[in-house]
Amino acid sequence: MQKVLLSLLFLFIGLSSKFSQYTFEKGYIITLEQDTVHGLAGSGNTKTNAQICIFKTEEKAQPEKYTPGEILAYNINDRKHYVSKLVKEGKDESEMFLEYLMDGSIDLYFYTNDLNCKSE
């Protein structure tokens, strides 16, 4: 009986902490239909933000996951703006969120990967 209760406890903790690495801040998403939906956007690390957008319409709402291609863009607290783009790395192509740094005659985006990073 204790093993069952302990297993249920770990399952509950795992499910409740599913989005715990995200800090939710004021933000919005732009849908494929170009509608802007305001709410709270999850701010993760740079690599995670390039792969997924976690968004909820209000504090108590269940967070929803959006991958690149499911929305056009998302914004976190008017501080970080991500746009969905098709990126080529060698022969591979993948869709990801790029951080939009500058809008001008030339647009500037930011993206990083772990391929050339070394840690000792």
PDB file of N, CA and C in Angstrom:
ATOM      1  N   MET A   1       0.820  -1.200   0.000  1.00  0.00           N
ATOM      2  CA  MET A   1       0.000   0.000   0.000  1.00  0.00           C
ATOM      3  C   MET A   1       0.859   1.257   0.000  1.00  0.00           C
ATOM      4  N   GLN A   2       1.941   1.230   0.795  1.00  0.00           N
ATOM      5  CA  GLN A   2       2.825   2.386   0.851  1.00  0.00           C
ATOM      6  C   GLN A   2       3.506   2.632  -0.488  1.00  0.00           C
ATOM      7  N   LYS A   3       3.843   1.559  -1.199  1.00  0.00           N
ATOM      8  CA  LYS A   3       4.477   1.711  -2.504  1.00  0.00           C
ATOM      9  C   LYS A   3       3.530   2.372  -3.496  1.00  0.00           C
ATOM     10  N   VAL A   4       2.256   2.024  -3.408  1.00  0.00           N
ATOM     11  CA  VAL A   4       1.256   2.613  -4.303  1.00  0.00           C
ATOM     12  C   VAL A   4       1.097   4.098  -3.998  1.00  0.00           C
ATOM     13  N   LEU A   5       1.004   4.448  -2.730  1.00  0.00           N
ATOM     14  CA  LEU A   5       0.871   5.851  -2.346  1.00  0.00           C
ATOM     15  C   LEU A   5       2.117   6.643  -2.734  1.00  0.00           C
ATOM     16  N   LEU A   6       3.278   6.050  -2.526  1.00  0.00           N
ATOM     17  CA  LEU A   6       4.519   6.715  -2.885  1.00  0.00           C
ATOM     18  C   LEU A   6       4.608   6.923  -4.397  1.00  0.00           C
ATOM     19  N   SER A   7       4.187   5.917  -5.159  1.00  0.00           N
ATOM     20  CA  SER A   7       4.177   6.041  -6.620  1.00  0.00           C
ATOM     21  C   SER A   7       3.222   7.134  -7.077  1.00  0.00           C
ATOM     22  N   LEU A   8       2.042   7.201  -6.473  1.00  0.00           N
ATOM     23  CA  LEU A   8       1.081   8.241  -6.819  1.00  0.00           C
ATOM     24  C   LEU A   8       1.609   9.629  -6.464  1.00  0.00           C
ATOM     25  N   LEU A   9       2.310   9.730  -5.338  1.00  0.00           N
ATOM     26  CA  LEU A   9       2.889  11.001  -4.935  1.00  0.00           C
ATOM     27  C   LEU A   9       3.924  11.478  -5.962  1.00  0.00           C
ATOM     28  N   PHE A  10       4.816  10.573  -6.384  1.00  0.00           N
ATOM     29  CA  PHE A  10       5.818  10.942  -7.380  1.00  0.00           C
ATOM     30  C   PHE A  10       5.182  11.292  -8.714  1.00  0.00           C
ATOM     31  N   LEU A  11       4.138  10.587  -9.092  1.00  0.00           N
ATOM     32  CA  LEU A  11       3.426  10.893 -10.328  1.00  0.00           C
ATOM     33  C   LEU A  11       2.810  12.284 -10.251  1.00  0.00           C
ATOM     34  N   PHE A  12       2.171  12.605  -9.130  1.00  0.00           N
ATOM     35  CA  PHE A  12       1.564  13.930  -8.955  1.00  0.00           C
ATOM     36  C   PHE A  12       2.613  15.027  -8.984  1.00  0.00           C
ATOM     37  N   ILE A  13       3.733  14.811  -8.302  1.00  0.00           N
ATOM     38  CA  ILE A  13       4.808  15.805  -8.292  1.00  0.00           C
ATOM     39  C   ILE A  13       5.348  16.003  -9.700  1.00  0.00           C
ATOM     40  N   GLY A  14       5.523  14.922 -10.431  1.00  0.00           N
ATOM     41  CA  GLY A  14       6.017  15.022 -11.801  1.00  0.00           C
ATOM     42  C   GLY A  14       5.076  15.784 -12.703  1.00  0.00           C
ATOM     43  N   LEU A  15       3.785  15.525 -12.581  1.00  0.00           N
ATOM     44  CA  LEU A  15       2.814  16.228 -13.418  1.00  0.00           C
ATOM     45  C   LEU A  15       2.666  17.686 -13.023  1.00  0.00           C
ATOM     46  N   SER A  16       2.702  17.961 -11.722  1.00  0.00           N
ATOM     47  CA  SER A  16       2.524  19.343 -11.286  1.00  0.00           C
ATOM     48  C   SER A  16       3.747  20.198 -11.576  1.00  0.00           C
ATOM     49  N   SER A  17       4.913  19.578 -11.690  1.00  0.00           N
ATOM     50  CA  SER A  17       6.122  20.353 -11.966  1.00  0.00           C
ATOM     51  C   SER A  17       6.484  20.350 -13.441  1.00  0.00           C
ATOM     52  N   LYS A  18       5.583  19.895 -14.274  1.00  0.00           N
ATOM     53  CA  LYS A  18       5.817  19.784 -15.715  1.00  0.00           C
ATOM     54  C   LYS A  18       6.298  21.103 -16.309  1.00  0.00           C
ATOM     55  N   PHE A  19       5.734  22.210 -15.893  1.00  0.00           N
ATOM     56  CA  PHE A  19       6.110  23.513 -16.420  1.00  0.00           C
ATOM     57  C   PHE A  19       6.814  24.365 -15.369  1.00  0.00           C
ATOM     58  N   SER A  20       7.353  23.739 -14.332  1.00  0.00           N
ATOM     59  CA  SER A  20       7.922  24.512 -13.236  1.00  0.00           C
ATOM     60  C   SER A  20       9.220  25.222 -13.614  1.00  0.00           C
ATOM     61  N   GLN A  21       9.902  24.770 -14.673  1.00  0.00           N
ATOM     62  CA  GLN A  21      11.124  25.455 -15.066  1.00  0.00           C
ATOM     63  C   GLN A  21      10.823  26.764 -15.784  1.00  0.00           C
ATOM     64  N   TYR A  22       9.581  27.043 -16.034  1.00  0.00           N
ATOM     65  CA  TYR A  22       9.192  28.273 -16.715  1.00  0.00           C
ATOM     66  C   TYR A  22       8.717  29.322 -15.720  1.00  0.00           C
ATOM     67  N   THR A  23       9.135  30.548 -15.965  1.00  0.00           N
ATOM     68  CA  THR A  23       8.615  31.695 -15.253  1.00  0.00           C
ATOM     69  C   THR A  23       7.630  32.349 -16.205  1.00  0.00           C
ATOM     70  N   PHE A  24       6.387  32.483 -15.796  1.00  0.00           N
ATOM     71  CA  PHE A  24       5.383  33.076 -16.674  1.00  0.00           C
ATOM     72  C   PHE A  24       5.370  34.586 -16.504  1.00  0.00           C
ATOM     73  N   GLU A  25       5.455  35.275 -17.632  1.00  0.00           N
ATOM     74  CA  GLU A  25       5.457  36.731 -17.655  1.00  0.00           C
ATOM     75  C   GLU A  25       4.406  37.212 -18.650  1.00  0.00           C
ATOM     76  N   LYS A  26       4.020  38.459 -18.503  1.00  0.00           N
ATOM     77  CA  LYS A  26       3.071  39.062 -19.433  1.00  0.00           C
ATOM     78  C   LYS A  26       3.600  38.891 -20.857  1.00  0.00           C
ATOM     79  N   GLY A  27       2.733  38.496 -21.763  1.00  0.00           N
ATOM     80  CA  GLY A  27       3.164  38.294 -23.144  1.00  0.00           C
ATOM     81  C   GLY A  27       1.997  38.057 -24.071  1.00  0.00           C
ATOM     82  N   TYR A  28       2.307  37.631 -25.267  1.00  0.00           N
ATOM     83  CA  TYR A  28       1.258  37.315 -26.231  1.00  0.00           C
ATOM     84  C   TYR A  28       1.797  36.366 -27.289  1.00  0.00           C
ATOM     85  N   ILE A  29       0.862  35.737 -27.995  1.00  0.00           N
ATOM     86  CA  ILE A  29       1.201  34.926 -29.157  1.00  0.00           C
ATOM     87  C   ILE A  29       0.510  35.531 -30.373  1.00  0.00           C
ATOM     88  N   ILE A  30       1.058  35.281 -31.535  1.00  0.00           N
ATOM     89  CA  ILE A  30       0.423  35.671 -32.792  1.00  0.00           C
ATOM     90  C   ILE A  30       0.097  34.378 -33.527  1.00  0.00           C
ATOM     91  N   THR A  31      -1.182  34.146 -33.742  1.00  0.00           N
ATOM     92  CA  THR A  31      -1.648  32.905 -34.352  1.00  0.00           C
ATOM     93  C   THR A  31      -1.343  32.891 -35.850  1.00  0.00           C
ATOM     94  N   LEU A  32      -1.548  31.738 -36.470  1.00  0.00           N
ATOM     95  CA  LEU A  32      -1.354  31.619 -37.910  1.00  0.00           C
ATOM     96  C   LEU A  32      -2.307  32.519 -38.690  1.00  0.00           C
ATOM     97  N   GLU A  33      -3.444  32.855 -38.067  1.00  0.00           N
ATOM     98  CA  GLU A  33      -4.420  33.748 -38.684  1.00  0.00           C
ATOM     99  C   GLU A  33      -4.081  35.218 -38.405  1.00  0.00           C
ATOM    100  N   GLN A  34      -2.923  35.466 -37.804  1.00  0.00           N
ATOM    101  CA  GLN A  34      -2.406  36.786 -37.453  1.00  0.00           C
ATOM    102  C   GLN A  34      -3.233  37.496 -36.378  1.00  0.00           C
ATOM    103  N   ASP A  35      -3.918  36.726 -35.532  1.00  0.00           N
ATOM    104  CA  ASP A  35      -4.610  37.273 -34.367  1.00  0.00           C
ATOM    105  C   ASP A  35      -3.621  37.321 -33.201  1.00  0.00           C
ATOM    106  N   THR A  36      -3.697  38.370 -32.402  1.00  0.00           N
ATOM    107  CA  THR A  36      -2.847  38.504 -31.221  1.00  0.00           C
ATOM    108  C   THR A  36      -3.657  38.091 -29.998  1.00  0.00           C
ATOM    109  N   VAL A  37      -3.129  37.134 -29.241  1.00  0.00           N
ATOM    110  CA  VAL A  37      -3.779  36.636 -28.026  1.00  0.00           C
ATOM    111  C   VAL A  37      -2.881  37.006 -26.841  1.00  0.00           C
ATOM    112  N   HIS A  38      -3.387  37.848 -25.952  1.00  0.00           N
ATOM    113  CA  HIS A  38      -2.618  38.295 -24.793  1.00  0.00           C
ATOM    114  C   HIS A  38      -2.806  37.333 -23.628  1.00  0.00           C
ATOM    115  N   GLY A  39      -1.774  37.216 -22.825  1.00  0.00           N
ATOM    116  CA  GLY A  39      -1.821  36.338 -21.662  1.00  0.00           C
ATOM    117  C   GLY A  39      -0.472  36.297 -20.991  1.00  0.00           C
ATOM    118  N   LEU A  40      -0.021  35.086 -20.644  1.00  0.00           N
ATOM    119  CA  LEU A  40       1.249  34.882 -19.960  1.00  0.00           C
ATOM    120  C   LEU A  40       2.086  33.892 -20.758  1.00  0.00           C
ATOM    121  N   ALA A  41       3.309  34.291 -21.077  1.00  0.00           N
ATOM    122  CA  ALA A  41       4.218  33.438 -21.842  1.00  0.00           C
ATOM    123  C   ALA A  41       5.294  32.906 -20.906  1.00  0.00           C
ATOM    124  N   GLY A  42       5.632  31.644 -21.089  1.00  0.00           N
ATOM    125  CA  GLY A  42       6.670  31.022 -20.282  1.00  0.00           C
ATOM    126  C   GLY A  42       8.042  31.394 -20.779  1.00  0.00           C
ATOM    127  N   SER A  43       8.885  31.812 -19.863  1.00  0.00           N
ATOM    128  CA  SER A  43      10.255  32.175 -20.201  1.00  0.00           C
ATOM    129  C   SER A  43      11.179  31.084 -19.691  1.00  0.00           C
ATOM    130  N   GLY A  44      11.740  30.317 -20.624  1.00  0.00           N
ATOM    131  CA  GLY A  44      12.697  29.272 -20.268  1.00  0.00           C
ATOM    132  C   GLY A  44      14.096  29.712 -20.658  1.00  0.00           C
ATOM    133  N   ASN A  45      14.979  28.743 -20.883  1.00  0.00           N
ATOM    134  CA  ASN A  45      16.314  29.105 -21.324  1.00  0.00           C
ATOM    135  C   ASN A  45      16.319  29.327 -22.838  1.00  0.00           C
ATOM    136  N   THR A  46      17.418  29.801 -23.374  1.00  0.00           N
ATOM    137  CA  THR A  46      17.506  30.169 -24.786  1.00  0.00           C
ATOM    138  C   THR A  46      17.192  28.995 -25.702  1.00  0.00           C
ATOM    139  N   LYS A  47      17.724  27.831 -25.400  1.00  0.00           N
ATOM    140  CA  LYS A  47      17.505  26.648 -26.238  1.00  0.00           C
ATOM    141  C   LYS A  47      16.040  26.215 -26.201  1.00  0.00           C
ATOM    142  N   THR A  48      15.447  26.207 -25.023  1.00  0.00           N
ATOM    143  CA  THR A  48      14.052  25.807 -24.877  1.00  0.00           C
ATOM    144  C   THR A  48      13.122  26.789 -25.578  1.00  0.00           C
ATOM    145  N   ASN A  49      13.387  28.087 -25.441  1.00  0.00           N
ATOM    146  CA  ASN A  49      12.547  29.099 -26.088  1.00  0.00           C
ATOM    147  C   ASN A  49      12.576  28.969 -27.605  1.00  0.00           C
ATOM    148  N   ALA A  50      13.641  28.422 -28.169  1.00  0.00           N
ATOM    149  CA  ALA A  50      13.734  28.226 -29.615  1.00  0.00           C
ATOM    150  C   ALA A  50      12.902  27.030 -30.077  1.00  0.00           C
ATOM    151  N   GLN A  51      12.598  26.114 -29.166  1.00  0.00           N
ATOM    152  CA  GLN A  51      11.905  24.883 -29.527  1.00  0.00           C
ATOM    153  C   GLN A  51      10.409  24.901 -29.240  1.00  0.00           C
ATOM    154  N   ILE A  52      10.006  25.654 -28.220  1.00  0.00           N
ATOM    155  CA  ILE A  52       8.608  25.583 -27.785  1.00  0.00           C
ATOM    156  C   ILE A  52       8.188  26.888 -27.109  1.00  0.00           C
ATOM    157  N   CYS A  53       6.922  27.215 -27.252  1.00  0.00           N
ATOM    158  CA  CYS A  53       6.328  28.349 -26.543  1.00  0.00           C
ATOM    159  C   CYS A  53       5.292  27.779 -25.584  1.00  0.00           C
ATOM    160  N   ILE A  54       5.430  28.104 -24.319  1.00  0.00           N
ATOM    161  CA  ILE A  54       4.443  27.716 -23.303  1.00  0.00           C
ATOM    162  C   ILE A  54       3.642  28.974 -22.999  1.00  0.00           C
ATOM    163  N   PHE A  55       2.322  28.870 -23.142  1.00  0.00           N
ATOM    164  CA  PHE A  55       1.478  30.060 -23.048  1.00  0.00           C
ATOM    165  C   PHE A  55       0.185  29.718 -22.334  1.00  0.00           C
ATOM    166  N   LYS A  56      -0.290  30.654 -21.521  1.00  0.00           N
ATOM    167  CA  LYS A  56      -1.615  30.512 -20.921  1.00  0.00           C
ATOM    168  C   LYS A  56      -2.305  31.866 -20.953  1.00  0.00           C
ATOM    169  N   THR A  57      -3.618  31.840 -21.111  1.00  0.00           N
ATOM    170  CA  THR A  57      -4.381  33.075 -21.279  1.00  0.00           C
ATOM    171  C   THR A  57      -4.568  33.845 -19.980  1.00  0.00           C
ATOM    172  N   GLU A  58      -4.496  33.138 -18.845  1.00  0.00           N
ATOM    173  CA  GLU A  58      -4.608  33.788 -17.534  1.00  0.00           C
ATOM    174  C   GLU A  58      -3.853  32.960 -16.510  1.00  0.00           C
ATOM    175  N   GLU A  59      -3.629  33.540 -15.349  1.00  0.00           N
ATOM    176  CA  GLU A  59      -2.802  32.925 -14.307  1.00  0.00           C
ATOM    177  C   GLU A  59      -3.233  31.499 -13.964  1.00  0.00           C
ATOM    178  N   LYS A  60      -4.529  31.275 -13.813  1.00  0.00           N
ATOM    179  CA  LYS A  60      -5.022  29.970 -13.373  1.00  0.00           C
ATOM    180  C   LYS A  60      -5.293  29.001 -14.518  1.00  0.00           C
ATOM    181  N   ALA A  61      -5.102  29.428 -15.750  1.00  0.00           N
ATOM    182  CA  ALA A  61      -5.367  28.567 -16.913  1.00  0.00           C
ATOM    183  C   ALA A  61      -4.280  27.509 -17.055  1.00  0.00           C
ATOM    184  N   GLN A  62      -4.647  26.421 -17.704  1.00  0.00           N
ATOM    185  CA  GLN A  62      -3.701  25.350 -17.992  1.00  0.00           C
ATOM    186  C   GLN A  62      -2.763  25.808 -19.117  1.00  0.00           C
ATOM    187  N   PRO A  63      -1.438  25.694 -18.945  1.00  0.00           N
ATOM    188  CA  PRO A  63      -0.513  26.105 -20.003  1.00  0.00           C
ATOM    189  C   PRO A  63      -0.680  25.248 -21.257  1.00  0.00           C
ATOM    190  N   GLU A  64      -0.499  25.870 -22.402  1.00  0.00           N
ATOM    191  CA  GLU A  64      -0.547  25.172 -23.682  1.00  0.00           C
ATOM    192  C   GLU A  64       0.815  25.270 -24.339  1.00  0.00           C
ATOM    193  N   LYS A  65       1.195  24.211 -25.067  1.00  0.00           N
ATOM    194  CA  LYS A  65       2.467  24.179 -25.780  1.00  0.00           C
ATOM    195  C   LYS A  65       2.223  24.524 -27.242  1.00  0.00           C
ATOM    196  N   TYR A  66       3.077  25.377 -27.784  1.00  0.00           N
ATOM    197  CA  TYR A  66       3.057  25.686 -29.208  1.00  0.00           C
ATOM    198  C   TYR A  66       4.451  25.448 -29.765  1.00  0.00           C
ATOM    199  N   THR A  67       4.515  24.740 -30.863  1.00  0.00           N
ATOM    200  CA  THR A  67       5.783  24.520 -31.536  1.00  0.00           C
ATOM    201  C   THR A  67       5.877  25.457 -32.735  1.00  0.00           C
ATOM    202  N   PRO A  68       7.084  25.676 -33.244  1.00  0.00           N
ATOM    203  CA  PRO A  68       7.210  26.513 -34.442  1.00  0.00           C
ATOM    204  C   PRO A  68       6.348  25.935 -35.560  1.00  0.00           C
ATOM    205  N   GLY A  69       5.658  26.784 -36.251  1.00  0.00           N
ATOM    206  CA  GLY A  69       4.731  26.348 -37.291  1.00  0.00           C
ATOM    207  C   GLY A  69       3.291  26.327 -36.814  1.00  0.00           C
ATOM    208  N   GLU A  70       3.070  26.215 -35.500  1.00  0.00           N
ATOM    209  CA  GLU A  70       1.719  26.256 -34.954  1.00  0.00           C
ATOM    210  C   GLU A  70       1.275  27.686 -34.669  1.00  0.00           C
ATOM    211  N   ILE A  71       2.249  28.570 -34.437  1.00  0.00           N
ATOM    212  CA  ILE A  71       1.984  30.008 -34.279  1.00  0.00           C
ATOM    213  C   ILE A  71       3.048  30.760 -35.078  1.00  0.00           C
ATOM    214  N   LEU A  72       2.769  32.005 -35.407  1.00  0.00           N
ATOM    215  CA  LEU A  72       3.740  32.807 -36.155  1.00  0.00           C
ATOM    216  C   LEU A  72       4.842  33.358 -35.262  1.00  0.00           C
ATOM    217  N   ALA A  73       4.472  33.784 -34.044  1.00  0.00           N
ATOM    218  CA  ALA A  73       5.434  34.438 -33.163  1.00  0.00           C
ATOM    219  C   ALA A  73       4.905  34.464 -31.740  1.00  0.00           C
ATOM    220  N   TYR A  74       5.804  34.775 -30.812  1.00  0.00           N
ATOM    221  CA  TYR A  74       5.386  35.045 -29.438  1.00  0.00           C
ATOM    222  C   TYR A  74       6.313  36.062 -28.805  1.00  0.00           C
ATOM    223  N   ASN A  75       5.806  36.718 -27.770  1.00  0.00           N
ATOM    224  CA  ASN A  75       6.517  37.800 -27.111  1.00  0.00           C
ATOM    225  C   ASN A  75       6.468  37.577 -25.609  1.00  0.00           C
ATOM    226  N   ILE A  76       7.599  37.854 -24.953  1.00  0.00           N
ATOM    227  CA  ILE A  76       7.674  37.749 -23.499  1.00  0.00           C
ATOM    228  C   ILE A  76       7.964  39.130 -22.931  1.00  0.00           C
ATOM    229  N   ASN A  77       6.979  39.714 -22.280  1.00  0.00           N
ATOM    230  CA  ASN A  77       7.120  40.956 -21.520  1.00  0.00           C
ATOM    231  C   ASN A  77       7.725  42.109 -22.330  1.00  0.00           C
ATOM    232  N   ASP A  78       7.403  42.182 -23.610  1.00  0.00           N
ATOM    233  CA  ASP A  78       7.958  43.205 -24.508  1.00  0.00           C
ATOM    234  C   ASP A  78       9.477  43.270 -24.433  1.00  0.00           C
ATOM    235  N   ARG A  79      10.083  42.186 -23.998  1.00  0.00           N
ATOM    236  CA  ARG A  79      11.525  42.119 -23.830  1.00  0.00           C
ATOM    237  C   ARG A  79      12.153  41.165 -24.832  1.00  0.00           C
ATOM    238  N   LYS A  80      11.472  40.064 -25.097  1.00  0.00           N
ATOM    239  CA  LYS A  80      11.965  39.074 -26.049  1.00  0.00           C
ATOM    240  C   LYS A  80      10.846  38.739 -27.026  1.00  0.00           C
ATOM    241  N   HIS A  81      11.203  38.748 -28.298  1.00  0.00           N
ATOM    242  CA  HIS A  81      10.235  38.453 -29.346  1.00  0.00           C
ATOM    243  C   HIS A  81      10.797  37.311 -30.189  1.00  0.00           C
ATOM    244  N   TYR A  82      10.007  36.253 -30.344  1.00  0.00           N
ATOM    245  CA  TYR A  82      10.416  35.076 -31.107  1.00  0.00           C
ATOM    246  C   TYR A  82       9.505  34.909 -32.310  1.00  0.00           C
ATOM    247  N   VAL A  83      10.103  34.556 -33.458  1.00  0.00           N
ATOM    248  CA  VAL A  83       9.334  34.315 -34.676  1.00  0.00           C
ATOM    249  C   VAL A  83       9.644  32.909 -35.179  1.00  0.00           C
ATOM    250  N   SER A  84       8.654  32.282 -35.771  1.00  0.00           N
ATOM    251  CA  SER A  84       8.802  30.945 -36.321  1.00  0.00           C
ATOM    252  C   SER A  84       9.450  31.047 -37.698  1.00  0.00           C
ATOM    253  N   LYS A  85      10.572  30.367 -37.871  1.00  0.00           N
ATOM    254  CA  LYS A  85      11.317  30.405 -39.128  1.00  0.00           C
ATOM    255  C   LYS A  85      11.840  29.019 -39.480  1.00  0.00           C
ATOM    256  N   LEU A  86      12.013  28.776 -40.781  1.00  0.00           N
ATOM    257  CA  LEU A  86      12.640  27.561 -41.272  1.00  0.00           C
ATOM    258  C   LEU A  86      14.143  27.825 -41.323  1.00  0.00           C
ATOM    259  N   VAL A  87      14.925  26.995 -40.636  1.00  0.00           N
ATOM    260  CA  VAL A  87      16.367  27.190 -40.522  1.00  0.00           C
ATOM    261  C   VAL A  87      17.097  26.007 -41.149  1.00  0.00           C
ATOM    262  N   LYS A  88      18.122  26.299 -41.941  1.00  0.00           N
ATOM    263  CA  LYS A  88      18.961  25.268 -42.544  1.00  0.00           C
ATOM    264  C   LYS A  88      20.253  25.167 -41.748  1.00  0.00           C
ATOM    265  N   GLU A  89      20.587  23.949 -41.357  1.00  0.00           N
ATOM    266  CA  GLU A  89      21.871  23.668 -40.720  1.00  0.00           C
ATOM    267  C   GLU A  89      22.503  22.541 -41.518  1.00  0.00           C
ATOM    268  N   GLY A  90      23.434  22.880 -42.389  1.00  0.00           N
ATOM    269  CA  GLY A  90      24.010  21.880 -43.285  1.00  0.00           C
ATOM    270  C   GLY A  90      22.949  21.422 -44.263  1.00  0.00           C
ATOM    271  N   LYS A  91      22.708  20.131 -44.286  1.00  0.00           N
ATOM    272  CA  LYS A  91      21.685  19.571 -45.177  1.00  0.00           C
ATOM    273  C   LYS A  91      20.313  19.494 -44.510  1.00  0.00           C
ATOM    274  N   ASP A  92      20.278  19.716 -43.206  1.00  0.00           N
ATOM    275  CA  ASP A  92      19.026  19.597 -42.449  1.00  0.00           C
ATOM    276  C   ASP A  92      18.271  20.916 -42.421  1.00  0.00           C
ATOM    277  N   GLU A  93      16.948  20.808 -42.454  1.00  0.00           N
ATOM    278  CA  GLU A  93      16.061  21.959 -42.283  1.00  0.00           C
ATOM    279  C   GLU A  93      15.120  21.666 -41.132  1.00  0.00           C
ATOM    280  N   SER A  94      14.915  22.653 -40.284  1.00  0.00           N
ATOM    281  CA  SER A  94      13.942  22.486 -39.215  1.00  0.00           C
ATOM    282  C   SER A  94      13.317  23.841 -38.908  1.00  0.00           C
ATOM    283  N   GLU A  95      12.091  23.769 -38.432  1.00  0.00           N
ATOM    284  CA  GLU A  95      11.392  24.989 -38.058  1.00  0.00           C
ATOM    285  C   GLU A  95      11.633  25.244 -36.579  1.00  0.00           C
ATOM    286  N   MET A  96      11.973  26.488 -36.240  1.00  0.00           N
ATOM    287  CA  MET A  96      12.223  26.831 -34.842  1.00  0.00           C
ATOM    288  C   MET A  96      11.892  28.297 -34.605  1.00  0.00           C
ATOM    289  N   PHE A  97      11.820  28.643 -33.330  1.00  0.00           N
ATOM    290  CA  PHE A  97      11.602  30.033 -32.953  1.00  0.00           C
ATOM    291  C   PHE A  97      12.961  30.715 -32.867  1.00  0.00           C
ATOM    292  N   LEU A  98      13.124  31.798 -33.613  1.00  0.00           N
ATOM    293  CA  LEU A  98      14.342  32.598 -33.545  1.00  0.00           C
ATOM    294  C   LEU A  98      14.036  33.874 -32.790  1.00  0.00           C
ATOM    295  N   GLU A  99      14.951  34.279 -31.932  1.00  0.00           N
ATOM    296  CA  GLU A  99      14.760  35.543 -31.228  1.00  0.00           C
ATOM    297  C   GLU A  99      14.987  36.684 -32.214  1.00  0.00           C
ATOM    298  N   TYR A 100      14.010  37.549 -32.314  1.00  0.00           N
ATOM    299  CA  TYR A 100      14.034  38.665 -33.258  1.00  0.00           C
ATOM    300  C   TYR A 100      14.683  39.843 -32.565  1.00  0.00           C
ATOM    301  N   LEU A 101      15.909  40.205 -32.992  1.00  0.00           N
ATOM    302  CA  LEU A 101      16.676  41.239 -32.306  1.00  0.00           C
ATOM    303  C   LEU A 101      16.513  42.627 -32.902  1.00  0.00           C
ATOM    304  N   MET A 102      16.427  42.715 -34.255  1.00  0.00           N
ATOM    305  CA  MET A 102      16.385  44.024 -34.880  1.00  0.00           C
ATOM    306  C   MET A 102      15.538  43.989 -36.150  1.00  0.00           C
ATOM    307  N   ASP A 103      14.684  44.991 -36.262  1.00  0.00           N
ATOM    308  CA  ASP A 103      13.845  45.170 -37.437  1.00  0.00           C
ATOM    309  C   ASP A 103      14.372  46.384 -38.196  1.00  0.00           C
ATOM    310  N   GLY A 104      14.803  46.184 -39.402  1.00  0.00           N
ATOM    311  CA  GLY A 104      15.333  47.291 -40.195  1.00  0.00           C
ATOM    312  C   GLY A 104      15.451  46.877 -41.641  1.00  0.00           C
ATOM    313  N   SER A 105      16.349  47.512 -42.376  1.00  0.00           N
ATOM    314  CA  SER A 105      16.543  47.120 -43.760  1.00  0.00           C
ATOM    315  C   SER A 105      17.095  45.696 -43.821  1.00  0.00           C
ATOM    316  N   ILE A 106      17.774  45.290 -42.747  1.00  0.00           N
ATOM    317  CA  ILE A 106      18.188  43.900 -42.572  1.00  0.00           C
ATOM    318  C   ILE A 106      17.667  43.457 -41.208  1.00  0.00           C
ATOM    319  N   ASP A 107      16.946  42.343 -41.178  1.00  0.00           N
ATOM    320  CA  ASP A 107      16.449  41.813 -39.911  1.00  0.00           C
ATOM    321  C   ASP A 107      17.544  40.981 -39.256  1.00  0.00           C
ATOM    322  N   LEU A 108      17.637  41.064 -37.943  1.00  0.00           N
ATOM    323  CA  LEU A 108      18.648  40.327 -37.205  1.00  0.00           C
ATOM    324  C   LEU A 108      17.960  39.378 -36.230  1.00  0.00           C
ATOM    325  N   TYR A 109      18.332  38.080 -36.309  1.00  0.00           N
ATOM    326  CA  TYR A 109      17.777  37.038 -35.462  1.00  0.00           C
ATOM    327  C   TYR A 109      18.901  36.403 -34.660  1.00  0.00           C
ATOM    328  N   PHE A 110      18.524  35.759 -33.546  1.00  0.00           N
ATOM    329  CA  PHE A 110      19.489  35.056 -32.714  1.00  0.00           C
ATOM    330  C   PHE A 110      19.024  33.625 -32.516  1.00  0.00           C
ATOM    331  N   TYR A 111      19.984  32.710 -32.637  1.00  0.00           N
ATOM    332  CA  TYR A 111      19.739  31.286 -32.374  1.00  0.00           C
ATOM    333  C   TYR A 111      21.059  30.665 -31.959  1.00  0.00           C
ATOM    334  N   THR A 112      21.016  29.739 -31.033  1.00  0.00           N
ATOM    335  CA  THR A 112      22.225  29.018 -30.647  1.00  0.00           C
ATOM    336  C   THR A 112      21.902  27.529 -30.569  1.00  0.00           C
ATOM    337  N   ASN A 113      22.930  26.724 -30.828  1.00  0.00           N
ATOM    338  CA  ASN A 113      22.780  25.280 -30.656  1.00  0.00           C
ATOM    339  C   ASN A 113      23.957  24.761 -29.847  1.00  0.00           C
ATOM    340  N   ASP A 114      23.920  23.489 -29.503  1.00  0.00           N
ATOM    341  CA  ASP A 114      24.963  22.911 -28.664  1.00  0.00           C
ATOM    342  C   ASP A 114      26.061  22.241 -29.474  1.00  0.00           C
ATOM    343  N   LEU A 115      25.997  22.315 -30.799  1.00  0.00           N
ATOM    344  CA  LEU A 115      26.939  21.571 -31.623  1.00  0.00           C
ATOM    345  C   LEU A 115      28.373  22.015 -31.447  1.00  0.00           C
ATOM    346  N   ASN A 116      28.612  23.288 -31.297  1.00  0.00           N
ATOM    347  CA  ASN A 116      29.978  23.790 -31.201  1.00  0.00           C
ATOM    348  C   ASN A 116      30.357  24.222 -29.803  1.00  0.00           C
ATOM    349  N   CYS A 117      29.549  23.885 -28.830  1.00  0.00           N
ATOM    350  CA  CYS A 117      29.830  24.282 -27.446  1.00  0.00           C
ATOM    351  C   CYS A 117      30.599  23.179 -26.735  1.00  0.00           C
ATOM    352  N   LYS A 118      31.592  23.559 -25.990  1.00  0.00           N
ATOM    353  CA  LYS A 118      32.374  22.587 -25.210  1.00  0.00           C
ATOM    354  C   LYS A 118      32.323  23.001 -23.743  1.00  0.00           C
ATOM    355  N   SER A 119      32.215  22.025 -22.892  1.00  0.00           N
ATOM    356  CA  SER A 119      32.293  22.337 -21.467  1.00  0.00           C
ATOM    357  C   SER A 119      33.333  21.417 -20.858  1.00  0.00           C
ATOM    358  N   GLU A 120      34.080  21.947 -19.938  1.00  0.00           N
ATOM    359  CA  GLU A 120      35.153  21.150 -19.306  1.00  0.00           C
ATOM    360  C   GLU A 120      34.931  21.092 -17.820  1.00  0.00           C
TER     361      GLU A 120
END
